[in-house]
């Protein structure tokens, strides 16, 4: 378990997910293990998944910045996987 900010992160046991955390008694699983990410701040995942490509990072952050669920941006909602992926993996 690794604490980043106010959340504790662990490896996910859910198929094809990278990490998870608990927010308001709800498990939030995020990241697809089949794909790379910019840099894993938790240091729980294999280093080979880090691509460290700034252009890909910028594109992902731009693309994920406007995702909505129920009319609200997911990047601002701690119960959303997008919120945690942007902070821990990208």
PDB file of N, CA and C in Angstrom:
ATOM      1  N   UNK A   1       0.855  -1.181   0.000  1.00  0.00           N
ATOM      2  CA  UNK A   1       0.000   0.000   0.000  1.00  0.00           C
ATOM      3  C   UNK A   1       0.896   1.238   0.000  1.00  0.00           C
ATOM      4  N   UNK A   2       0.542   2.192  -0.843  1.00  0.00           N
ATOM      5  CA  UNK A   2       1.302   3.432  -0.970  1.00  0.00           C
ATOM      6  C   UNK A   2       0.350   4.611  -0.852  1.00  0.00           C
ATOM      7  N   UNK A   3       0.705   5.577  -0.035  1.00  0.00           N
ATOM      8  CA  UNK A   3      -0.123   6.769   0.142  1.00  0.00           C
ATOM      9  C   UNK A   3       0.379   7.881  -0.782  1.00  0.00           C
ATOM     10  N   UNK A   4      -0.530   8.409  -1.593  1.00  0.00           N
ATOM     11  CA  UNK A   4      -0.242   9.558  -2.456  1.00  0.00           C
ATOM     12  C   UNK A   4      -1.348  10.559  -2.181  1.00  0.00           C
ATOM     13  N   UNK A   5      -0.972  11.717  -1.652  1.00  0.00           N
ATOM     14  CA  UNK A   5      -1.979  12.678  -1.235  1.00  0.00           C
ATOM     15  C   UNK A   5      -2.769  12.087  -0.083  1.00  0.00           C
ATOM     16  N   UNK A   6      -4.096  12.085  -0.195  1.00  0.00           N
ATOM     17  CA  UNK A   6      -4.895  11.542   0.898  1.00  0.00           C
ATOM     18  C   UNK A   6      -5.430  10.141   0.616  1.00  0.00           C
ATOM     19  N   UNK A   7      -4.975   9.509  -0.475  1.00  0.00           N
ATOM     20  CA  UNK A   7      -5.462   8.186  -0.840  1.00  0.00           C
ATOM     21  C   UNK A   7      -4.356   7.139  -0.757  1.00  0.00           C
ATOM     22  N   UNK A   8      -4.746   5.924  -0.357  1.00  0.00           N
ATOM     23  CA  UNK A   8      -3.845   4.777  -0.312  1.00  0.00           C
ATOM     24  C   UNK A   8      -4.110   3.923  -1.552  1.00  0.00           C
ATOM     25  N   UNK A   9      -3.046   3.578  -2.264  1.00  0.00           N
ATOM     26  CA  UNK A   9      -3.163   2.802  -3.497  1.00  0.00           C
ATOM     27  C   UNK A   9      -2.557   1.420  -3.322  1.00  0.00           C
ATOM     28  N   UNK A  10      -3.210   0.433  -3.972  1.00  0.00           N
ATOM     29  CA  UNK A  10      -2.744  -0.947  -3.960  1.00  0.00           C
ATOM     30  C   UNK A  10      -2.901  -1.523  -5.362  1.00  0.00           C
ATOM     31  N   UNK A  11      -2.190  -2.638  -5.618  1.00  0.00           N
ATOM     32  CA  UNK A  11      -2.388  -3.339  -6.877  1.00  0.00           C
ATOM     33  C   UNK A  11      -3.804  -3.879  -6.925  1.00  0.00           C
ATOM     34  N   UNK A  12      -4.429  -3.745  -8.075  1.00  0.00           N
ATOM     35  CA  UNK A  12      -5.804  -4.217  -8.242  1.00  0.00           C
ATOM     36  C   UNK A  12      -5.821  -5.725  -8.460  1.00  0.00           C
ATOM     37  N   UNK A  13      -6.828  -6.374  -7.914  1.00  0.00           N
ATOM     38  CA  UNK A  13      -7.031  -7.804  -8.136  1.00  0.00           C
ATOM     39  C   UNK A  13      -8.059  -8.026  -9.240  1.00  0.00           C
ATOM     40  N   UNK A  14      -8.610  -6.951  -9.748  1.00  0.00           N
ATOM     41  CA  UNK A  14      -9.606  -7.042 -10.816  1.00  0.00           C
ATOM     42  C   UNK A  14      -8.881  -7.276 -12.150  1.00  0.00           C
ATOM     43  N   UNK A  15      -9.437  -8.107 -12.988  1.00  0.00           N
ATOM     44  CA  UNK A  15      -8.820  -8.461 -14.263  1.00  0.00           C
ATOM     45  C   UNK A  15      -8.524  -7.213 -15.101  1.00  0.00           C
ATOM     46  N   UNK A  16      -7.296  -7.119 -15.594  1.00  0.00           N
ATOM     47  CA  UNK A  16      -6.814  -6.058 -16.490  1.00  0.00           C
ATOM     48  C   UNK A  16      -6.765  -4.665 -15.870  1.00  0.00           C
ATOM     49  N   UNK A  17      -6.880  -4.544 -14.563  1.00  0.00           N
ATOM     50  CA  UNK A  17      -6.757  -3.238 -13.920  1.00  0.00           C
ATOM     51  C   UNK A  17      -5.423  -3.154 -13.199  1.00  0.00           C
ATOM     52  N   UNK A  18      -4.862  -1.944 -13.131  1.00  0.00           N
ATOM     53  CA  UNK A  18      -3.545  -1.742 -12.541  1.00  0.00           C
ATOM     54  C   UNK A  18      -3.597  -1.518 -11.039  1.00  0.00           C
ATOM     55  N   UNK A  19      -4.351  -0.526 -10.611  1.00  0.00           N
ATOM     56  CA  UNK A  19      -4.358  -0.114  -9.214  1.00  0.00           C
ATOM     57  C   UNK A  19      -5.780   0.113  -8.732  1.00  0.00           C
ATOM     58  N   UNK A  20      -5.917   0.232  -7.422  1.00  0.00           N
ATOM     59  CA  UNK A  20      -7.198   0.637  -6.866  1.00  0.00           C
ATOM     60  C   UNK A  20      -6.978   1.386  -5.566  1.00  0.00           C
ATOM     61  N   UNK A  21      -8.006   2.141  -5.192  1.00  0.00           N
ATOM     62  CA  UNK A  21      -8.040   2.858  -3.928  1.00  0.00           C
ATOM     63  C   UNK A  21      -9.464   2.801  -3.403  1.00  0.00           C
ATOM     64  N   UNK A  22      -9.658   3.211  -2.176  1.00  0.00           N
ATOM     65  CA  UNK A  22     -11.003   3.241  -1.598  1.00  0.00           C
ATOM     66  C   UNK A  22     -11.371   4.695  -1.319  1.00  0.00           C
ATOM     67  N   UNK A  23     -12.520   5.098  -1.860  1.00  0.00           N
ATOM     68  CA  UNK A  23     -13.033   6.459  -1.671  1.00  0.00           C
ATOM     69  C   UNK A  23     -14.465   6.338  -1.183  1.00  0.00           C
ATOM     70  N   UNK A  24     -14.740   6.894  -0.021  1.00  0.00           N
ATOM     71  CA  UNK A  24     -16.084   6.830   0.555  1.00  0.00           C
ATOM     72  C   UNK A  24     -16.620   5.390   0.580  1.00  0.00           C
ATOM     73  N   UNK A  25     -15.792   4.468   1.033  1.00  0.00           N
ATOM     74  CA  UNK A  25     -16.131   3.044   1.154  1.00  0.00           C
ATOM     75  C   UNK A  25     -16.412   2.365  -0.181  1.00  0.00           C
ATOM     76  N   UNK A  26     -15.990   2.990  -1.295  1.00  0.00           N
ATOM     77  CA  UNK A  26     -16.177   2.419  -2.624  1.00  0.00           C
ATOM     78  C   UNK A  26     -14.800   2.164  -3.226  1.00  0.00           C
ATOM     79  N   UNK A  27     -14.585   0.957  -3.740  1.00  0.00           N
ATOM     80  CA  UNK A  27     -13.327   0.649  -4.421  1.00  0.00           C
ATOM     81  C   UNK A  27     -13.338   1.287  -5.802  1.00  0.00           C
ATOM     82  N   UNK A  28     -12.245   1.969  -6.133  1.00  0.00           N
ATOM     83  CA  UNK A  28     -12.104   2.588  -7.443  1.00  0.00           C
ATOM     84  C   UNK A  28     -10.889   1.953  -8.113  1.00  0.00           C
ATOM     85  N   UNK A  29     -11.144   1.109  -9.124  1.00  0.00           N
ATOM     86  CA  UNK A  29     -10.089   0.434  -9.873  1.00  0.00           C
ATOM     87  C   UNK A  29      -9.818   1.259 -11.128  1.00  0.00           C
ATOM     88  N   UNK A  30      -8.544   1.397 -11.487  1.00  0.00           N
ATOM     89  CA  UNK A  30      -8.219   2.223 -12.650  1.00  0.00           C
ATOM     90  C   UNK A  30      -6.958   1.742 -13.337  1.00  0.00           C
ATOM     91  N   UNK A  31      -6.779   2.187 -14.581  1.00  0.00           N
ATOM     92  CA  UNK A  31      -5.625   1.827 -15.386  1.00  0.00           C
ATOM     93  C   UNK A  31      -5.781   0.442 -15.982  1.00  0.00           C
ATOM     94  N   UNK A  32      -5.482   0.314 -17.246  1.00  0.00           N
ATOM     95  CA  UNK A  32      -5.552  -0.978 -17.929  1.00  0.00           C
ATOM     96  C   UNK A  32      -4.140  -1.540 -18.033  1.00  0.00           C
ATOM     97  N   UNK A  33      -3.908  -2.693 -17.453  1.00  0.00           N
ATOM     98  CA  UNK A  33      -2.575  -3.290 -17.385  1.00  0.00           C
ATOM     99  C   UNK A  33      -2.018  -3.629 -18.770  1.00  0.00           C
ATOM    100  N   UNK A  34      -2.882  -3.692 -19.781  1.00  0.00           N
ATOM    101  CA  UNK A  34      -2.426  -4.011 -21.141  1.00  0.00           C
ATOM    102  C   UNK A  34      -1.799  -2.819 -21.845  1.00  0.00           C
ATOM    103  N   UNK A  35      -1.863  -1.635 -21.227  1.00  0.00           N
ATOM    104  CA  UNK A  35      -1.339  -0.429 -21.856  1.00  0.00           C
ATOM    105  C   UNK A  35      -0.324   0.260 -20.953  1.00  0.00           C
ATOM    106  N   UNK A  36       0.562   1.005 -21.586  1.00  0.00           N
ATOM    107  CA  UNK A  36       1.565   1.757 -20.819  1.00  0.00           C
ATOM    108  C   UNK A  36       0.964   3.067 -20.316  1.00  0.00           C
ATOM    109  N   UNK A  37       1.707   3.747 -19.476  1.00  0.00           N
ATOM    110  CA  UNK A  37       1.315   5.042 -18.919  1.00  0.00           C
ATOM    111  C   UNK A  37       2.568   5.903 -18.851  1.00  0.00           C
ATOM    112  N   UNK A  38       2.399   7.175 -18.518  1.00  0.00           N
ATOM    113  CA  UNK A  38       3.548   8.071 -18.491  1.00  0.00           C
ATOM    114  C   UNK A  38       4.532   7.686 -17.393  1.00  0.00           C
ATOM    115  N   UNK A  39       4.100   7.723 -16.133  1.00  0.00           N
ATOM    116  CA  UNK A  39       4.968   7.355 -15.015  1.00  0.00           C
ATOM    117  C   UNK A  39       4.101   6.991 -13.816  1.00  0.00           C
ATOM    118  N   UNK A  40       4.391   5.854 -13.225  1.00  0.00           N
ATOM    119  CA  UNK A  40       3.636   5.356 -12.076  1.00  0.00           C
ATOM    120  C   UNK A  40       4.183   5.969 -10.794  1.00  0.00           C
ATOM    121  N   UNK A  41       3.460   6.916 -10.214  1.00  0.00           N
ATOM    122  CA  UNK A  41       3.900   7.573  -8.973  1.00  0.00           C
ATOM    123  C   UNK A  41       3.838   6.644  -7.763  1.00  0.00           C
ATOM    124  N   UNK A  42       3.080   5.578  -7.846  1.00  0.00           N
ATOM    125  CA  UNK A  42       2.976   4.651  -6.717  1.00  0.00           C
ATOM    126  C   UNK A  42       4.186   3.714  -6.639  1.00  0.00           C
ATOM    127  N   UNK A  43       4.872   3.540  -7.733  1.00  0.00           N
ATOM    128  CA  UNK A  43       6.021   2.632  -7.858  1.00  0.00           C
ATOM    129  C   UNK A  43       5.639   1.173  -7.582  1.00  0.00           C
ATOM    130  N   UNK A  44       4.376   0.830  -7.709  1.00  0.00           N
ATOM    131  CA  UNK A  44       3.910  -0.538  -7.491  1.00  0.00           C
ATOM    132  C   UNK A  44       3.935  -1.372  -8.780  1.00  0.00           C
ATOM    133  N   UNK A  45       3.921  -0.712  -9.918  1.00  0.00           N
ATOM    134  CA  UNK A  45       3.837  -1.397 -11.198  1.00  0.00           C
ATOM    135  C   UNK A  45       5.223  -1.566 -11.825  1.00  0.00           C
ATOM    136  N   UNK A  46       5.377  -2.536 -12.749  1.00  0.00           N
ATOM    137  CA  UNK A  46       6.667  -2.726 -13.413  1.00  0.00           C
ATOM    138  C   UNK A  46       7.101  -1.472 -14.171  1.00  0.00           C
ATOM    139  N   UNK A  47       8.377  -1.159 -14.089  1.00  0.00           N
ATOM    140  CA  UNK A  47       8.909   0.042 -14.741  1.00  0.00           C
ATOM    141  C   UNK A  47       8.759   0.003 -16.266  1.00  0.00           C
ATOM    142  N   UNK A  48       8.662  -1.200 -16.834  1.00  0.00           N
ATOM    143  CA  UNK A  48       8.534  -1.317 -18.292  1.00  0.00           C
ATOM    144  C   UNK A  48       7.232  -0.700 -18.809  1.00  0.00           C
ATOM    145  N   UNK A  49       6.251  -0.471 -17.930  1.00  0.00           N
ATOM    146  CA  UNK A  49       4.995   0.162 -18.351  1.00  0.00           C
ATOM    147  C   UNK A  49       5.114   1.681 -18.446  1.00  0.00           C
ATOM    148  N   UNK A  50       6.175   2.271 -17.883  1.00  0.00           N
ATOM    149  CA  UNK A  50       6.393   3.717 -17.975  1.00  0.00           C
ATOM    150  C   UNK A  50       6.951   4.044 -19.351  1.00  0.00           C
ATOM    151  N   UNK A  51       6.301   4.930 -20.094  1.00  0.00           N
ATOM    152  CA  UNK A  51       6.840   5.296 -21.407  1.00  0.00           C
ATOM    153  C   UNK A  51       7.572   6.640 -21.373  1.00  0.00           C
ATOM    154  N   UNK A  52       7.283   7.490 -20.419  1.00  0.00           N
ATOM    155  CA  UNK A  52       7.957   8.784 -20.241  1.00  0.00           C
ATOM    156  C   UNK A  52       7.978   9.648 -21.499  1.00  0.00           C
ATOM    157  N   UNK A  53       6.959   9.523 -22.321  1.00  0.00           N
ATOM    158  CA  UNK A  53       6.848  10.297 -23.564  1.00  0.00           C
ATOM    159  C   UNK A  53       5.938  11.502 -23.303  1.00  0.00           C
ATOM    160  N   UNK A  54       6.530  12.687 -23.266  1.00  0.00           N
ATOM    161  CA  UNK A  54       5.785  13.913 -22.942  1.00  0.00           C
ATOM    162  C   UNK A  54       4.653  14.195 -23.927  1.00  0.00           C
ATOM    163  N   UNK A  55       4.858  13.894 -25.201  1.00  0.00           N
ATOM    164  CA  UNK A  55       3.817  14.153 -26.192  1.00  0.00           C
ATOM    165  C   UNK A  55       2.599  13.255 -25.932  1.00  0.00           C
ATOM    166  N   UNK A  56       2.837  11.968 -25.660  1.00  0.00           N
ATOM    167  CA  UNK A  56       1.733  11.056 -25.349  1.00  0.00           C
ATOM    168  C   UNK A  56       1.031  11.480 -24.069  1.00  0.00           C
ATOM    169  N   UNK A  57       1.800  11.954 -23.089  1.00  0.00           N
ATOM    170  CA  UNK A  57       1.212  12.413 -21.830  1.00  0.00           C
ATOM    171  C   UNK A  57       0.274  13.593 -22.067  1.00  0.00           C
ATOM    172  N   UNK A  58       0.760  14.555 -22.833  1.00  0.00           N
ATOM    173  CA  UNK A  58      -0.041  15.751 -23.127  1.00  0.00           C
ATOM    174  C   UNK A  58      -1.338  15.357 -23.852  1.00  0.00           C
ATOM    175  N   UNK A  59      -1.220  14.465 -24.834  1.00  0.00           N
ATOM    176  CA  UNK A  59      -2.402  14.014 -25.574  1.00  0.00           C
ATOM    177  C   UNK A  59      -3.409  13.318 -24.661  1.00  0.00           C
ATOM    178  N   UNK A  60      -2.928  12.450 -23.767  1.00  0.00           N
ATOM    179  CA  UNK A  60      -3.831  11.748 -22.849  1.00  0.00           C
ATOM    180  C   UNK A  60      -4.530  12.729 -21.913  1.00  0.00           C
ATOM    181  N   UNK A  61      -3.760  13.637 -21.334  1.00  0.00           N
ATOM    182  CA  UNK A  61      -4.348  14.593 -20.383  1.00  0.00           C
ATOM    183  C   UNK A  61      -5.378  15.495 -21.069  1.00  0.00           C
ATOM    184  N   UNK A  62      -5.107  15.874 -22.308  1.00  0.00           N
ATOM    185  CA  UNK A  62      -6.064  16.687 -23.065  1.00  0.00           C
ATOM    186  C   UNK A  62      -7.332  15.885 -23.334  1.00  0.00           C
ATOM    187  N   UNK A  63      -7.158  14.635 -23.762  1.00  0.00           N
ATOM    188  CA  UNK A  63      -8.290  13.778 -24.101  1.00  0.00           C
ATOM    189  C   UNK A  63      -9.145  13.459 -22.866  1.00  0.00           C
ATOM    190  N   UNK A  64      -8.507  13.202 -21.742  1.00  0.00           N
ATOM    191  CA  UNK A  64      -9.252  12.792 -20.546  1.00  0.00           C
ATOM    192  C   UNK A  64      -9.790  13.973 -19.733  1.00  0.00           C
ATOM    193  N   UNK A  65      -9.383  15.179 -20.072  1.00  0.00           N
ATOM    194  CA  UNK A  65      -9.785  16.360 -19.304  1.00  0.00           C
ATOM    195  C   UNK A  65     -11.275  16.658 -19.403  1.00  0.00           C
ATOM    196  N   UNK A  66     -11.906  16.263 -20.501  1.00  0.00           N
ATOM    197  CA  UNK A  66     -13.311  16.619 -20.711  1.00  0.00           C
ATOM    198  C   UNK A  66     -14.274  15.449 -20.600  1.00  0.00           C
ATOM    199  N   UNK A  67     -13.829  14.325 -20.052  1.00  0.00           N
ATOM    200  CA  UNK A  67     -14.729  13.188 -19.868  1.00  0.00           C
ATOM    201  C   UNK A  67     -15.760  13.538 -18.804  1.00  0.00           C
ATOM    202  N   UNK A  68     -17.014  13.161 -19.094  1.00  0.00           N
ATOM    203  CA  UNK A  68     -18.097  13.463 -18.156  1.00  0.00           C
ATOM    204  C   UNK A  68     -18.874  12.206 -17.808  1.00  0.00           C
ATOM    205  N   UNK A  69     -19.405  12.207 -16.609  1.00  0.00           N
ATOM    206  CA  UNK A  69     -20.342  11.172 -16.160  1.00  0.00           C
ATOM    207  C   UNK A  69     -21.452  11.895 -15.416  1.00  0.00           C
ATOM    208  N   UNK A  70     -22.666  11.624 -15.813  1.00  0.00           N
ATOM    209  CA  UNK A  70     -23.825  12.300 -15.223  1.00  0.00           C
ATOM    210  C   UNK A  70     -23.690  13.818 -15.281  1.00  0.00           C
ATOM    211  N   UNK A  71     -23.130  14.312 -16.394  1.00  0.00           N
ATOM    212  CA  UNK A  71     -23.020  15.748 -16.627  1.00  0.00           C
ATOM    213  C   UNK A  71     -21.890  16.452 -15.895  1.00  0.00           C
ATOM    214  N   UNK A  72     -21.094  15.726 -15.121  1.00  0.00           N
ATOM    215  CA  UNK A  72     -19.999  16.349 -14.368  1.00  0.00           C
ATOM    216  C   UNK A  72     -18.660  15.804 -14.852  1.00  0.00           C
ATOM    217  N   UNK A  73     -17.649  16.646 -14.834  1.00  0.00           N
ATOM    218  CA  UNK A  73     -16.315  16.227 -15.250  1.00  0.00           C
ATOM    219  C   UNK A  73     -15.762  15.174 -14.294  1.00  0.00           C
ATOM    220  N   UNK A  74     -15.265  14.082 -14.854  1.00  0.00           N
ATOM    221  CA  UNK A  74     -14.734  13.003 -14.020  1.00  0.00           C
ATOM    222  C   UNK A  74     -13.360  13.342 -13.458  1.00  0.00           C
ATOM    223  N   UNK A  75     -12.661  14.280 -14.061  1.00  0.00           N
ATOM    224  CA  UNK A  75     -11.316  14.626 -13.574  1.00  0.00           C
ATOM    225  C   UNK A  75     -11.361  15.279 -12.186  1.00  0.00           C
ATOM    226  N   UNK A  76     -12.522  15.772 -11.770  1.00  0.00           N
ATOM    227  CA  UNK A  76     -12.676  16.438 -10.482  1.00  0.00           C
ATOM    228  C   UNK A  76     -13.395  15.570  -9.447  1.00  0.00           C
ATOM    229  N   UNK A  77     -13.729  14.344  -9.812  1.00  0.00           N
ATOM    230  CA  UNK A  77     -14.531  13.469  -8.954  1.00  0.00           C
ATOM    231  C   UNK A  77     -13.675  12.311  -8.420  1.00  0.00           C
ATOM    232  N   UNK A  78     -13.319  12.306  -7.146  1.00  0.00           N
ATOM    233  CA  UNK A  78     -12.470  11.245  -6.585  1.00  0.00           C
ATOM    234  C   UNK A  78     -13.058   9.841  -6.669  1.00  0.00           C
ATOM    235  N   UNK A  79     -14.355   9.706  -6.933  1.00  0.00           N
ATOM    236  CA  UNK A  79     -14.928   8.371  -7.089  1.00  0.00           C
ATOM    237  C   UNK A  79     -14.801   7.866  -8.522  1.00  0.00           C
ATOM    238  N   UNK A  80     -14.181   8.655  -9.393  1.00  0.00           N
ATOM    239  CA  UNK A  80     -14.004   8.290 -10.795  1.00  0.00           C
ATOM    240  C   UNK A  80     -12.601   7.719 -11.036  1.00  0.00           C
ATOM    241  N   UNK A  81     -12.490   6.661 -11.817  1.00  0.00           N
ATOM    242  CA  UNK A  81     -11.171   6.132 -12.169  1.00  0.00           C
ATOM    243  C   UNK A  81     -10.308   7.161 -12.905  1.00  0.00           C
ATOM    244  N   UNK A  82     -10.945   8.007 -13.705  1.00  0.00           N
ATOM    245  CA  UNK A  82     -10.202   9.027 -14.453  1.00  0.00           C
ATOM    246  C   UNK A  82      -9.439   9.959 -13.505  1.00  0.00           C
ATOM    247  N   UNK A  83     -10.041  10.336 -12.407  1.00  0.00           N
ATOM    248  CA  UNK A  83      -9.424  11.221 -11.409  1.00  0.00           C
ATOM    249  C   UNK A  83      -8.088  10.637 -10.940  1.00  0.00           C
ATOM    250  N   UNK A  84      -8.092   9.363 -10.596  1.00  0.00           N
ATOM    251  CA  UNK A  84      -6.902   8.731 -10.043  1.00  0.00           C
ATOM    252  C   UNK A  84      -5.867   8.402 -11.125  1.00  0.00           C
ATOM    253  N   UNK A  85      -6.316   7.991 -12.292  1.00  0.00           N
ATOM    254  CA  UNK A  85      -5.396   7.702 -13.385  1.00  0.00           C
ATOM    255  C   UNK A  85      -4.591   8.956 -13.756  1.00  0.00           C
ATOM    256  N   UNK A  86      -5.272  10.093 -13.832  1.00  0.00           N
ATOM    257  CA  UNK A  86      -4.593  11.351 -14.187  1.00  0.00           C
ATOM    258  C   UNK A  86      -3.566  11.737 -13.133  1.00  0.00           C
ATOM    259  N   UNK A  87      -3.815  11.470 -11.883  1.00  0.00           N
ATOM    260  CA  UNK A  87      -2.904  11.882 -10.804  1.00  0.00           C
ATOM    261  C   UNK A  87      -1.781  10.891 -10.528  1.00  0.00           C
ATOM    262  N   UNK A  88      -2.043   9.607 -10.683  1.00  0.00           N
ATOM    263  CA  UNK A  88      -1.058   8.605 -10.301  1.00  0.00           C
ATOM    264  C   UNK A  88      -0.273   8.074 -11.511  1.00  0.00           C
ATOM    265  N   UNK A  89      -0.930   7.922 -12.662  1.00  0.00           N
ATOM    266  CA  UNK A  89      -0.276   7.317 -13.813  1.00  0.00           C
ATOM    267  C   UNK A  89       0.151   8.301 -14.894  1.00  0.00           C
ATOM    268  N   UNK A  90      -0.476   9.454 -14.939  1.00  0.00           N
ATOM    269  CA  UNK A  90      -0.169  10.408 -16.010  1.00  0.00           C
ATOM    270  C   UNK A  90       0.318  11.716 -15.456  1.00  0.00           C
TER     271      UNK A  90
END
